[in-house]
Amino acid sequence: MAEKNRSGADEYETAADEISGNGAGSFGDETEFSVPFNAMATVRRLWKAMGKQRIRLVIVSVSVIFYTVLSVAAPVYSAGIVDLLWREIRGALEGGTRFRVTWEQGGREIMILLAIYTVTGVLYTFQSFLMASFAERLSLELRTRISRKLDRLPLSYFDSHRPGEILSRAVNDLDKMSEVLQTGLLKLFTAAGMVVGSLIMMFRFHIGLTVIFLLFTLLSMFSTKLFAAKTLRCATLRQQAVSRVTGQVEESYSGRTVIRAFNQEAKSAEEMRDAVKELADTSRKADFMMNMVNPFIRLVNRLGQAVIAVSAGKLLLDGVLTVGTFQAFFQYVYQASEPLTEAAYMINSLQSSIASVERIFELLDEKEILPDPPEASEGAGPAEGRVEFRNVRFGYAPDQLLMQDISFTAEPGQKIAIVGSTGAGKTTLINLLMRFYEVNGGEITLDGVPTGRMTYAGLRSSFGMVLQDTWLFEGTIAENIAYGRPDASREEIIAAAKAARADFFIRTLPKGYDTVLEGDADNISAGQRQLLTIARVMLCDPAVLILDEATSSVDTRTEMEIGKAMNALMKDRTSFVIAHRLSTIVDADLILVMQKGDIIEKGTHRELLRAKGAYADLYNSQFA
């Protein structure tokens, strides 16, 4: 009993380690012992999600029933064998003969017992394998659903959820569910049968000994719960100290230049020593609590085992128990103590798994982007580019509109500049044009066709975007430039790079266009990364260009060169330019001045300067 309860204590320590940060860790802020909001509804939905996998769970349940019956039957059958052998041994000693185990004298029974244990081993292996297969297949099914769901979620979802939270639901929650289904659920099935069957047989053998066992088991479980509460508090404090040390290390490393420049090395070192000392103190307390629970629980169980052994020994001498019954009773103690000790941990694990599944279903229930309408068109051809906003209203929340009434027209070949202070709604206007967000009222048309009646692919194939934040994937420079047109020839890629004034620096690299960009493309400068994104758009040759501070990371001379290329590219094409440096948009055909989501002024550069309004103030402020 002590050894099995030690196993339960080890499981408890593992859970405590995970809480304190020594375990596998997780994404996001979810803790190991999460509690579901509606467990029954989640379980019912998970049952429906299993689909064809339910047959595997049914087979596992049937296997567990046979496994439990055989496991409970084995000790009582062994009791008969031990009593039989004991009688034969005593008879041989009294008769002065040599005792032998023959087929008739115990051999047949021993082989049957061996067969029972063999079958239980095979059943346990079979159900473990089947349960693992069931859990992984279900995990794959849900992971596939999540992958498809993420492709259908609107941009607003990713704007309102941290990347770590999304990763936690797509990776950590699924892994936790799979792990608990493979181990915790199988343990729960077998534990329920083993505890009930073992206790029935123990009461059948002797009620008094069973009551003693239950009293010490309850004491052990109460002690585990008491230690768990205190250890959880210590582990939480340790995790907070770990977070402080981690933050201090990151801050000291990333700000090492500033720290040295202001001669703050001594202060930084002192802050680090204080944080590490706090971590050492909290770790000492947490480790003491976690390492004390195992010996204490083992002591309680050993005392229980000793009391049961003394009491059973007296009953054996009094003839109340036989030798076989004596050893069988201890086998049932062995079988019942483990699941009883692990009960709290298994319940916590299952609760945590259900909470994880609940979070997965929350993600799967998120509102998706609107599907393409049945009569959707592919939109205007690449030779056009007339864009019109008609009384557009929009708000990130339906009851809090950001844009009240946006109306303007961009004719093909015109350069439309959008200016305004940070948060004025410039990027939001572009997001609406690309249908990353849906308008709350009015409509946006491209070549006279409402964008809401176009397919997403048809609409976005007409646009080319160069953002302030560059994005390049791990691959060659040629592959990055050809991202929008994978079938482009090397000559077309080089022509696009030349037009973007990127060809010169590409040829200076060791492998030219075959140079591999690694990680975040740190092996080239920020300005060079932006040149590549401009070349990518030039290769696609779209009908409408969107430039969001496209030259913010390049020097003035390069900016002038790119400007020349952009002017050639924007000829006969509609272009939307978001710019903070107003000198880059003085030649725009139409300038939209935005403030708090609305267009407060519009016109050419000269018209807006003559009006002496918000644009004139903004333009003149750069010369103040």
Foldseek 3Di string as FASTA:
>chain_A
DLVLLLVLLVLLLQLLCQQLVNDDHFFDDDHLQDFAPDLVVLVVVLCVLLVPLVVLVVVLLVLLVLLLVLLLVLLVLQLVLVLQVVVQVVVCVVVVHDDDCDCVRNVVSVVVSVVSVVSSVVSVVVSLVSQLVSLVVSLVSLLVLLVVLVVFAFPLVPVVDDPRLSCRLNPVLSVLLSVCSSPLVSLVSNLVSLQVSLLVVLVVLPVVLSVLLVVLLVVLLVLSVVLSVVLSVLSNQLSVLVVQLVVLVVCCVVCVVVCVVVVVPVVSVVSNVVSVVSNVVSVVVNVVSSVVSSVVSSVSVVVSVVVSLVVVVVCCVVVSDDPSSSVSNVSSSVRNSNCSSNVVVSVSSVSSSSNSSVVSVVSSPDDGQDAADPQAALADDQLFWKKWFAQFWADSDPVDIQEGGDTDIFGFLFEEEEEEDPPLCQVVVVCCQLPSDDTPDTFMGTVRHTPSRHHSNSSCLQEAEQAPDFAADWFFLLCRLCVVPNPDDPVLLLVLLVLLVQQVVQVVDPVRRRDTQDDRSVVDDPQSSLSSSSSSRLSSLHQEYEYHCSRVRDDPVSVVSNLVSVSVSSGRHYYYYYDLQCVSCQVGQKYFYGGSNYGPDMGHNVVVCVVVDPVVCSNCVVVD
